[in-house]
């Protein structure tokens, strides 16, 4: 088993350094420059677009699509991922998370706008899509699209769900009743059963559930974080000082790059906000908007919510608490000890409850994405009910097993499967970026003329035969 783990750890290290670091940074900077910092310049417009209503009651709104993508982004990674990055990489990891968030928001804009342009029409007039469809329709590469779907299924049905389950059970380690033999089994079993009950109820329930739970969950967590941060307000200047000091300690970074704050920040930042991974476009394609750029802008907000608000809340809460960050408390225990400095015994309980809610909505959002990938591989239609039932049972089994595996294995498998998705999606977005730039110019031209932007493919020279909408 050690040989098995060492092999995947080696793959993980090589994938992120140097390959993914270079790809993510180069693509993000390129998209940022080409769009003239759209993720910052039009942030106000993006926030207004969130509340825009769809044309029909049965259609998915921008807000609903945002909540589904945010449900997958906002998860245990916002707590455990940030904690792990700080404990193993140092406080400087926070800076690299912030930087990759700002740069990565442009990648999120690109992929979600493309998903809207090349979305497909269902039997009842609803829309669906994602990277597989713009890779097939715009690049004419159906084989690559299929490979992307395989990686997506591996990531969201297995890699992320494995890790999500582990992260939740790890939050129980701080309690006296924790038993390393039985507690993971009980936690994994309960989470698997609850997820199974929900996913076997159908996709519409996913949208309704996440729309209600995600905002409440995020707001409560941020409020508690702020109470703790301001409870240690005198330590805030030193917290920021330690973040920037560690982030630019280049001797430490390049002395052991694979375990540095930079690599941990990029890894955990990507895992948390998923900008450029190719997941959020699956939700973005379902939104009913009058212009593809609208949903692209809305998805940049999701990236900021995840990293700049939730991840930063966790980071500052931990660093200002005065609790020592080390490998022994890496993960949920570090956050729980930080919260207990203000809330006492209730602190760890609150984090466990937050982790449970985060884990549950993440698992539901993950399987929503998997449905789209399975449909693509099955000639653009959902597999039979019997197949989906068997598949969900397998996914439920993965959730149960995730609570039992070692921490390093859970993180490594999630990193590798997610990295595979990213290495397919980002180059495709790069090749198709010209289409998005034309769409953005069309959007801004109409906004300048005081119009509510509407989109037609022929206005930017698209082949209308490849479009299901926008003709």
Protein backbone atom coordinates (compact mmCIF):
# COMPACT_ATOMS: atom_id res chain seq x y z
CA UNK A 1 0.00 0.00 0.00
CA UNK A 2 2.91 2.37 0.70
CA UNK A 3 4.22 1.82 -2.83
CA UNK A 4 0.71 2.54 -4.14
CA UNK A 5 0.42 5.77 -2.12
CA UNK A 6 3.95 6.90 -3.05
CA UNK A 7 3.19 6.49 -6.75
CA UNK A 8 0.10 8.71 -6.62
CA UNK A 9 1.90 11.26 -4.45
CA UNK A 10 4.63 11.49 -7.10
CA UNK A 11 2.04 12.01 -9.84
CA UNK A 12 0.37 14.69 -7.72
CA UNK A 13 3.64 16.56 -7.14
CA UNK A 14 4.61 16.59 -10.82
CA UNK A 15 1.11 17.54 -11.98
CA UNK A 16 1.00 20.66 -9.81
CA UNK A 17 4.64 21.63 -10.06
CA UNK A 18 5.54 22.64 -12.62
CA UNK A 19 2.69 21.76 -14.99
CA UNK A 20 -0.51 23.12 -13.42
CA UNK A 21 1.13 26.12 -11.78
CA UNK A 22 2.37 27.30 -15.16
CA UNK A 23 -0.87 26.47 -17.01
CA UNK A 24 -3.15 28.16 -14.45
CA UNK A 25 -1.02 31.27 -14.06
CA UNK A 26 -0.37 31.73 -17.78
CA UNK A 27 -3.99 31.15 -18.81
CA UNK A 28 -5.41 33.29 -16.01
CA UNK A 29 -3.12 36.21 -16.84
CA UNK A 30 -3.86 35.86 -20.55
CA UNK A 31 -7.63 35.85 -19.98
CA UNK A 32 -7.33 38.78 -17.57
CA UNK A 33 -5.41 40.91 -20.04
CA UNK A 34 -7.58 39.98 -23.05
CA UNK A 35 -10.80 40.79 -21.18
CA UNK A 36 -9.26 43.95 -19.69
CA UNK A 37 -9.70 42.69 -16.12
CA UNK A 38 -13.38 41.84 -16.62
CA UNK A 39 -13.50 40.04 -13.26
CA UNK A 40 -12.76 43.36 -11.51
CA UNK A 41 -13.99 45.93 -14.02
CA UNK A 42 -17.54 44.53 -14.25
CA UNK A 43 -17.90 43.12 -10.74
CA UNK A 44 -20.67 45.60 -9.92
CA UNK A 45 -22.61 44.54 -13.02
CA UNK A 46 -22.10 40.88 -12.11
CA UNK A 47 -23.62 41.41 -8.65
CA UNK A 48 -26.70 43.09 -10.17
CA UNK A 49 -27.16 40.25 -12.67
CA UNK A 50 -27.49 37.66 -9.89
CA UNK A 51 -31.06 38.74 -9.14
CA UNK A 52 -32.18 38.92 -12.78
CA UNK A 53 -35.28 36.79 -13.40
CA UNK A 54 -35.51 34.11 -16.12
CA UNK A 55 -38.08 34.48 -18.90
CA UNK A 56 -40.21 31.54 -17.73
CA UNK A 57 -41.16 30.03 -14.38
CA UNK A 58 -39.83 26.61 -15.33
CA UNK A 59 -36.43 27.94 -16.35
CA UNK A 60 -33.36 28.03 -14.11
CA UNK A 61 -32.37 31.56 -13.04
CA UNK A 62 -28.84 32.95 -12.83
CA UNK A 63 -29.17 32.82 -9.06
CA UNK A 64 -30.16 29.15 -9.05
CA UNK A 65 -27.27 28.23 -11.37
CA UNK A 66 -24.96 30.27 -9.14
CA UNK A 67 -26.16 28.41 -6.05
CA UNK A 68 -25.60 24.98 -7.65
CA UNK A 69 -22.04 25.90 -8.64
CA UNK A 70 -21.43 27.57 -5.28
CA UNK A 71 -22.77 24.48 -3.48
CA UNK A 72 -19.99 22.47 -5.09
CA UNK A 73 -17.35 25.18 -4.59
CA UNK A 74 -18.33 25.99 -1.03
CA UNK A 75 -17.55 22.87 0.93
CA UNK A 76 -15.27 21.25 3.42
CA UNK A 77 -12.31 22.67 1.49
CA UNK A 78 -13.20 26.12 2.81
CA UNK A 79 -12.51 24.84 6.31
CA UNK A 80 -10.20 21.84 6.10
CA UNK A 81 -8.45 22.84 2.87
CA UNK A 82 -7.42 26.25 4.19
CA UNK A 83 -6.38 24.78 7.53
CA UNK A 84 -4.27 22.12 5.82
CA UNK A 85 -2.59 24.69 3.57
CA UNK A 86 -1.63 26.88 6.54
CA UNK A 87 -0.49 23.99 8.75
CA UNK A 88 1.61 22.28 6.07
CA UNK A 89 2.59 25.19 3.82
CA UNK A 90 2.53 28.20 6.16
CA UNK A 91 0.35 31.35 6.39
CA UNK A 92 1.74 32.59 3.06
CA UNK A 93 -0.52 30.03 1.37
CA UNK A 94 -3.37 32.53 1.93
CA UNK A 95 -1.72 35.10 -0.33
CA UNK A 96 -1.35 32.59 -3.16
CA UNK A 97 -5.00 31.60 -2.71
CA UNK A 98 -6.03 35.25 -3.09
CA UNK A 99 -3.84 35.76 -6.14
CA UNK A 100 -5.10 32.63 -7.87
CA UNK A 101 -8.67 33.62 -7.04
CA UNK A 102 -8.37 37.02 -8.74
CA UNK A 103 -6.57 35.59 -11.75
CA UNK A 104 -8.74 32.47 -11.81
CA UNK A 105 -11.98 34.48 -11.84
CA UNK A 106 -11.17 35.38 -15.45
CA UNK A 107 -10.93 31.66 -16.26
CA UNK A 108 -14.31 31.14 -14.60
CA UNK A 109 -15.74 33.91 -16.79
CA UNK A 110 -14.33 32.28 -19.93
CA UNK A 111 -15.57 28.75 -19.27
CA UNK A 112 -19.05 29.77 -18.13
CA UNK A 113 -19.58 32.14 -21.06
CA UNK A 114 -18.54 29.38 -23.48
CA UNK A 115 -20.93 26.96 -21.76
CA UNK A 116 -23.78 29.43 -22.30
CA UNK A 117 -22.95 30.05 -25.96
CA UNK A 118 -22.79 26.34 -26.82
CA UNK A 119 -25.52 25.07 -24.48
CA UNK A 120 -27.98 22.49 -25.79
CA UNK A 121 -31.77 22.26 -25.69
CA UNK A 122 -33.60 19.50 -23.83
CA UNK A 123 -36.90 17.88 -24.72
CA UNK A 124 -38.88 20.36 -22.58
CA UNK A 125 -36.99 23.41 -23.81
CA UNK A 126 -34.58 23.51 -20.88
CA UNK A 127 -30.87 24.09 -21.46
CA UNK A 128 -27.85 22.05 -20.46
CA UNK A 129 -24.18 21.91 -21.38
CA UNK A 130 -20.64 22.34 -20.15
CA UNK A 131 -17.05 21.93 -21.39
CA UNK A 132 -17.82 18.66 -23.19
CA UNK A 133 -20.26 20.49 -25.46
CA UNK A 134 -18.09 23.48 -26.33
CA UNK A 135 -15.14 21.13 -26.91
CA UNK A 136 -17.28 19.08 -29.30
CA UNK A 137 -19.22 21.88 -31.02
CA UNK A 138 -16.56 24.58 -31.27
CA UNK A 139 -13.34 22.55 -31.41
CA UNK A 140 -14.80 19.53 -33.24
CA UNK A 141 -13.03 17.20 -30.80
CA UNK A 142 -15.64 14.72 -29.48
CA UNK A 143 -12.98 12.29 -28.24
CA UNK A 144 -11.37 14.95 -26.03
CA UNK A 145 -14.84 15.91 -24.82
CA UNK A 146 -15.46 12.30 -23.81
CA UNK A 147 -12.11 12.12 -21.99
CA UNK A 148 -13.02 15.30 -20.11
CA UNK A 149 -16.30 13.69 -19.02
CA UNK A 150 -14.43 10.64 -17.74
CA UNK A 151 -12.18 12.89 -15.64
CA UNK A 152 -15.21 14.84 -14.41
CA UNK A 153 -16.92 11.65 -13.25
CA UNK A 154 -13.70 10.47 -11.60
CA UNK A 155 -13.38 13.83 -9.84
CA UNK A 156 -16.92 14.47 -8.65
CA UNK A 157 -18.24 10.97 -8.13
CA UNK A 158 -15.06 9.59 -6.60
CA UNK A 159 -12.13 11.95 -5.85
CA UNK A 160 -14.05 14.86 -4.29
CA UNK A 161 -16.65 12.69 -2.59
CA UNK A 162 -13.92 10.53 -1.09
CA UNK A 163 -12.23 13.63 0.33
CA UNK A 164 -15.45 15.31 1.42
CA UNK A 165 -16.41 12.30 3.51
CA UNK A 166 -12.94 12.09 5.07
CA UNK A 167 -12.98 15.80 5.95
CA UNK A 168 -16.29 15.49 7.76
CA UNK A 169 -15.28 12.50 9.86
CA UNK A 170 -11.98 14.21 10.76
CA UNK A 171 -13.97 16.96 12.50
CA UNK A 172 -14.98 14.39 15.14
CA UNK A 173 -11.38 13.61 16.14
CA UNK A 174 -11.36 16.41 18.72
CA UNK A 175 -14.15 14.83 20.83
CA UNK A 176 -13.53 12.43 23.71
CA UNK A 177 -15.98 9.89 22.29
CA UNK A 178 -14.01 9.58 19.03
CA UNK A 179 -12.93 6.01 18.33
CA UNK A 180 -10.63 5.57 15.33
CA UNK A 181 -12.21 2.19 14.58
CA UNK A 182 -15.93 2.91 14.81
CA UNK A 183 -16.51 6.69 14.53
CA UNK A 184 -15.43 6.91 10.85
CA UNK A 185 -17.71 3.98 10.04
CA UNK A 186 -20.70 5.62 11.74
CA UNK A 187 -20.09 9.08 10.21
CA UNK A 188 -19.47 7.64 6.74
CA UNK A 189 -22.58 5.48 6.99
CA UNK A 190 -24.90 8.32 8.03
CA UNK A 191 -23.54 10.69 5.36
CA UNK A 192 -23.84 8.02 2.67
CA UNK A 193 -27.44 7.20 3.58
CA UNK A 194 -28.55 10.87 3.70
CA UNK A 195 -26.91 11.60 0.36
CA UNK A 196 -28.49 8.51 -1.18
CA UNK A 197 -31.98 9.52 -0.05
CA UNK A 198 -31.53 12.93 -1.66
CA UNK A 199 -29.91 12.01 -4.98
CA UNK A 200 -32.37 9.23 -5.66
CA UNK A 201 -35.12 11.86 -5.49
CA UNK A 202 -34.19 13.60 -8.75
CA UNK A 203 -32.34 16.65 -10.06
CA UNK A 204 -34.99 19.29 -9.30
CA UNK A 205 -34.62 18.62 -5.60
CA UNK A 206 -30.92 19.43 -5.91
CA UNK A 207 -31.59 22.95 -7.21
CA UNK A 208 -34.25 23.67 -4.57
CA UNK A 209 -32.15 22.34 -1.70
CA UNK A 210 -28.96 24.19 -2.56
CA UNK A 211 -30.80 27.47 -3.24
CA UNK A 212 -32.07 27.47 0.36
CA UNK A 213 -29.17 25.98 2.28
CA UNK A 214 -26.08 27.55 0.71
CA UNK A 215 -26.75 31.24 1.56
CA UNK A 216 -27.69 30.49 5.18
CA UNK A 217 -24.75 28.15 5.60
CA UNK A 218 -22.23 30.64 4.23
CA UNK A 219 -23.56 33.67 6.14
CA UNK A 220 -23.59 31.85 9.50
CA UNK A 221 -20.03 30.67 9.01
CA UNK A 222 -18.78 34.13 8.06
CA UNK A 223 -20.54 35.75 11.05
CA UNK A 224 -18.91 33.33 13.50
CA UNK A 225 -15.56 33.88 11.80
CA UNK A 226 -15.91 37.66 12.15
CA UNK A 227 -16.73 37.35 15.85
CA UNK A 228 -13.55 35.35 16.39
CA UNK A 229 -11.42 37.66 14.23
CA UNK A 230 -12.61 40.79 16.04
CA UNK A 231 -12.29 38.96 19.34
CA UNK A 232 -8.55 38.92 18.56
CA UNK A 233 -8.54 42.27 16.76
CA UNK A 234 -5.16 43.24 18.19
CA UNK A 235 -3.60 40.32 16.29
CA UNK A 236 -5.00 41.22 12.85
CA UNK A 237 -2.00 43.39 11.76
CA UNK A 238 0.41 40.61 12.72
CA UNK A 239 -1.76 38.06 10.87
CA UNK A 240 -1.51 39.97 7.60
CA UNK A 241 2.18 40.60 8.23
CA UNK A 242 2.82 36.88 8.64
CA UNK A 243 0.85 36.08 5.48
CA UNK A 244 2.84 38.46 3.27
CA UNK A 245 6.15 37.75 4.99
CA UNK A 246 5.75 34.01 4.46
CA UNK A 247 4.38 34.40 0.92
CA UNK A 248 7.53 36.18 -0.23
CA UNK A 249 10.05 34.08 1.66
CA UNK A 250 11.49 32.86 -1.62
CA UNK A 251 14.37 31.01 0.03
CA UNK A 252 11.86 28.83 1.90
CA UNK A 253 9.64 28.47 -1.17
CA UNK A 254 12.30 27.35 -3.61
CA UNK A 255 14.10 25.27 -0.98
CA UNK A 256 11.20 22.81 -0.97
CA UNK A 257 8.76 23.91 -3.64
CA UNK A 258 6.39 20.94 -3.66
CA UNK A 259 5.58 21.55 0.01
CA UNK A 260 5.80 25.35 -0.06
CA UNK A 261 3.11 27.88 0.79
CA UNK A 262 2.86 28.75 -2.92
CA UNK A 263 2.06 25.20 -4.05
CA UNK A 264 -0.29 24.55 -1.13
CA UNK A 265 -2.04 27.86 -1.75
CA UNK A 266 -2.53 27.09 -5.44
CA UNK A 267 -3.61 23.48 -4.77
CA UNK A 268 -6.11 24.29 -2.05
CA UNK A 269 -7.27 27.47 -3.81
CA UNK A 270 -8.04 25.51 -6.96
CA UNK A 271 -9.75 22.76 -4.97
CA UNK A 272 -11.86 25.33 -3.17
CA UNK A 273 -13.00 27.72 -5.94
CA UNK A 274 -12.60 25.35 -8.96
CA UNK A 275 -11.96 28.27 -11.32
CA UNK A 276 -10.95 26.81 -14.69
CA UNK A 277 -11.55 23.22 -13.62
CA UNK A 278 -14.62 22.92 -15.87
CA UNK A 279 -17.22 22.10 -13.23
CA UNK A 280 -19.22 25.33 -12.85
CA UNK A 281 -19.96 25.58 -16.61
CA UNK A 282 -22.23 22.54 -16.24
CA UNK A 283 -24.46 24.60 -13.94
CA UNK A 284 -23.95 27.85 -15.90
CA UNK A 285 -25.32 26.27 -19.08
CA UNK A 286 -28.67 25.62 -17.38
CA UNK A 287 -29.35 29.32 -16.65
CA UNK A 288 -31.90 31.23 -18.73
CA UNK A 289 -30.27 34.56 -19.62
CA UNK A 290 -30.53 36.97 -22.54
CA UNK A 291 -26.77 37.10 -23.14
CA UNK A 292 -24.07 34.45 -22.43
CA UNK A 293 -21.75 37.05 -20.90
CA UNK A 294 -24.28 37.62 -18.12
CA UNK A 295 -23.80 34.13 -16.72
CA UNK A 296 -20.05 34.36 -17.23
CA UNK A 297 -20.01 37.45 -15.02
CA UNK A 298 -22.26 35.83 -12.41
CA UNK A 299 -19.84 32.93 -12.06
CA UNK A 300 -16.96 35.27 -11.21
CA UNK A 301 -18.98 36.22 -8.12
CA UNK A 302 -19.07 32.58 -7.03
CA UNK A 303 -15.26 32.41 -7.13
CA UNK A 304 -15.00 35.52 -4.95
CA UNK A 305 -17.60 34.23 -2.49
CA UNK A 306 -15.66 31.03 -2.08
CA UNK A 307 -12.09 32.29 -1.75
CA UNK A 308 -12.12 35.98 -0.85
CA UNK A 309 -14.91 35.61 1.73
CA UNK A 310 -15.14 32.05 3.05
CA UNK A 311 -11.51 30.92 2.70
CA UNK A 312 -10.25 34.26 4.00
CA UNK A 313 -12.63 34.03 6.96
CA UNK A 314 -11.18 30.64 7.86
CA UNK A 315 -7.58 31.78 7.39
CA UNK A 316 -7.86 34.94 9.50
CA UNK A 317 -9.90 33.15 12.14
CA UNK A 318 -7.15 30.54 12.53
CA UNK A 319 -4.13 32.84 12.33
CA UNK A 320 -5.49 35.49 14.73
CA UNK A 321 -6.59 32.85 17.26
CA UNK A 322 -3.04 32.30 18.46
CA UNK A 323 -3.36 28.52 18.08
CA UNK A 324 -0.10 27.06 16.79
CA UNK A 325 -0.31 25.69 13.26
CA UNK A 326 1.49 22.38 12.77
CA UNK A 327 1.04 19.02 11.08
CA UNK A 328 -0.54 17.47 14.20
CA UNK A 329 -3.58 19.80 14.08
CA UNK A 330 -3.76 19.96 10.27
CA UNK A 331 -7.34 19.94 9.03
CA UNK A 332 -10.48 20.33 11.10
CA UNK A 333 -8.77 20.26 14.56
CA UNK A 334 -6.87 23.51 13.84
CA UNK A 335 -10.10 25.34 12.97
CA UNK A 336 -11.96 23.82 15.91
CA UNK A 337 -9.28 24.90 18.37
CA UNK A 338 -9.34 28.41 16.87
CA UNK A 339 -13.11 28.72 17.29
CA UNK A 340 -12.94 27.41 20.87
CA UNK A 341 -10.75 30.39 21.89
CA UNK A 342 -13.91 32.55 21.81
CA UNK A 343 -16.83 30.08 21.90
CA UNK A 344 -15.35 27.51 24.29
CA UNK A 345 -16.82 24.03 24.05
CA UNK A 346 -19.45 25.19 21.54
CA UNK A 347 -16.71 26.06 19.01
CA UNK A 348 -15.84 22.53 17.90
CA UNK A 349 -19.54 21.64 17.78
CA UNK A 350 -20.28 24.60 15.47
CA UNK A 351 -17.46 23.58 13.11
CA UNK A 352 -18.74 20.01 13.02
CA UNK A 353 -22.25 21.26 12.17
CA UNK A 354 -20.82 23.57 9.48
CA UNK A 355 -18.73 20.72 8.10
CA UNK A 356 -21.81 18.48 7.97
CA UNK A 357 -23.80 21.09 6.02
CA UNK A 358 -20.87 21.90 3.74
CA UNK A 359 -20.23 18.21 3.09
CA UNK A 360 -23.86 17.43 2.36
CA UNK A 361 -24.44 20.26 -0.13
CA UNK A 362 -21.07 19.59 -1.76
CA UNK A 363 -21.94 15.94 -2.32
CA UNK A 364 -25.30 16.88 -3.83
CA UNK A 365 -23.76 19.52 -6.11
CA UNK A 366 -21.03 17.11 -7.19
CA UNK A 367 -23.50 14.48 -8.35
CA UNK A 368 -25.46 17.13 -10.28
CA UNK A 369 -22.33 17.66 -12.41
CA UNK A 370 -21.85 13.92 -12.84
CA UNK A 371 -25.35 13.59 -14.31
CA UNK A 372 -24.40 15.93 -17.17
CA UNK A 373 -21.21 13.99 -17.92
CA UNK A 374 -23.03 10.66 -17.96
CA UNK A 375 -25.65 12.06 -20.31
CA UNK A 376 -22.95 13.23 -22.71
CA UNK A 377 -21.26 9.83 -22.77
CA UNK A 378 -24.67 8.20 -23.34
CA UNK A 379 -25.27 10.01 -26.65
CA UNK A 380 -26.66 13.19 -25.02
CA UNK A 381 -29.39 11.51 -23.02
CA UNK A 382 -29.59 10.35 -19.45
CA UNK A 383 -28.81 6.65 -18.91
CA UNK A 384 -31.62 4.36 -17.85
CA UNK A 385 -33.08 4.64 -14.37
CA UNK A 386 -31.65 1.23 -13.53
CA UNK A 387 -28.14 2.30 -14.54
CA UNK A 388 -28.39 5.56 -12.56
CA UNK A 389 -29.61 3.72 -9.49
CA UNK A 390 -26.64 1.33 -9.63
CA UNK A 391 -24.27 4.24 -10.29
CA UNK A 392 -25.61 6.23 -7.33
CA UNK A 393 -25.24 3.20 -5.09
CA UNK A 394 -21.57 2.98 -6.13
CA UNK A 395 -21.16 6.72 -5.39
CA UNK A 396 -22.78 6.21 -2.00
CA UNK A 397 -20.28 3.43 -1.37
CA UNK A 398 -17.43 5.79 -2.22
CA UNK A 399 -18.76 8.30 0.30
CA UNK A 400 -18.75 5.59 2.96
CA UNK A 401 -15.20 4.46 2.10
CA UNK A 402 -13.97 8.06 2.11
CA UNK A 403 -14.51 8.28 5.86
CA UNK A 404 -12.12 5.34 6.34
CA UNK A 405 -9.12 6.26 4.13
CA UNK A 406 -5.94 8.10 5.27
CA UNK A 407 -5.85 11.90 4.90
CA UNK A 408 -2.98 12.02 2.39
CA UNK A 409 -4.62 9.49 0.09
CA UNK A 410 -7.93 11.39 0.11
CA UNK A 411 -6.28 14.70 -0.79
CA UNK A 412 -3.99 13.15 -3.41
CA UNK A 413 -6.78 11.42 -5.34
CA UNK A 414 -8.89 14.59 -5.34
CA UNK A 415 -5.91 16.65 -6.56
CA UNK A 416 -5.07 14.25 -9.40
CA UNK A 417 -8.58 13.85 -10.79
CA UNK A 418 -9.24 17.61 -10.55
CA UNK A 419 -5.88 18.33 -12.18
CA UNK A 420 -6.79 16.11 -15.13
CA UNK A 421 -10.00 18.06 -15.72
CA UNK A 422 -8.15 21.37 -15.55
CA UNK A 423 -5.42 20.32 -17.98
CA UNK A 424 -8.09 19.57 -20.57
CA UNK A 425 -10.42 22.50 -19.94
CA UNK A 426 -7.95 25.39 -19.68
CA UNK A 427 -6.20 24.80 -23.06
CA UNK A 428 -9.62 24.46 -24.74
CA UNK A 429 -10.75 27.76 -23.21
CA UNK A 430 -7.51 29.33 -24.40
CA UNK A 431 -8.13 28.19 -27.99
CA UNK A 432 -11.76 29.41 -27.89
CA UNK A 433 -11.06 32.66 -26.03
CA UNK A 434 -11.56 34.73 -29.20
CA UNK A 435 -15.26 33.80 -29.22
CA UNK A 436 -15.69 34.99 -25.63
CA UNK A 437 -13.88 38.26 -26.33
CA UNK A 438 -16.24 38.99 -29.23
CA UNK A 439 -19.25 38.16 -27.04
CA UNK A 440 -17.92 40.45 -24.29
CA UNK A 441 -17.48 43.33 -26.73
CA UNK A 442 -21.02 42.78 -27.99
CA UNK A 443 -22.33 42.83 -24.41
CA UNK A 444 -20.46 46.03 -23.49
CA UNK A 445 -21.50 47.75 -26.70
CA UNK A 446 -25.17 47.16 -25.90
CA UNK A 447 -24.72 48.20 -22.27
CA UNK A 448 -23.11 51.44 -23.43
CA UNK A 449 -26.20 52.08 -25.56
CA UNK A 450 -28.40 51.67 -22.43
CA UNK A 451 -29.86 48.38 -23.72
CA UNK A 452 -30.54 45.12 -21.91
CA UNK A 453 -27.99 43.03 -23.83
CA UNK A 454 -29.37 40.24 -26.00
CA UNK A 455 -27.24 37.84 -27.99
CA UNK A 456 -27.36 36.41 -31.50
CA UNK A 457 -24.63 34.09 -32.71
CA UNK A 458 -24.46 35.65 -36.15
CA UNK A 459 -23.53 39.03 -34.62
CA UNK A 460 -20.11 37.68 -33.74
CA UNK A 461 -19.73 35.39 -36.76
CA UNK A 462 -20.59 32.03 -35.19
CA UNK A 463 -21.69 29.00 -37.20
CA UNK A 464 -25.41 28.89 -36.38
CA UNK A 465 -25.60 25.17 -37.19
CA UNK A 466 -23.55 24.49 -34.04
CA UNK A 467 -25.86 26.51 -31.79
CA UNK A 468 -29.04 25.22 -30.15
CA UNK A 469 -29.84 28.72 -28.84
CA UNK A 470 -28.85 32.28 -29.86
CA UNK A 471 -29.91 32.01 -33.54
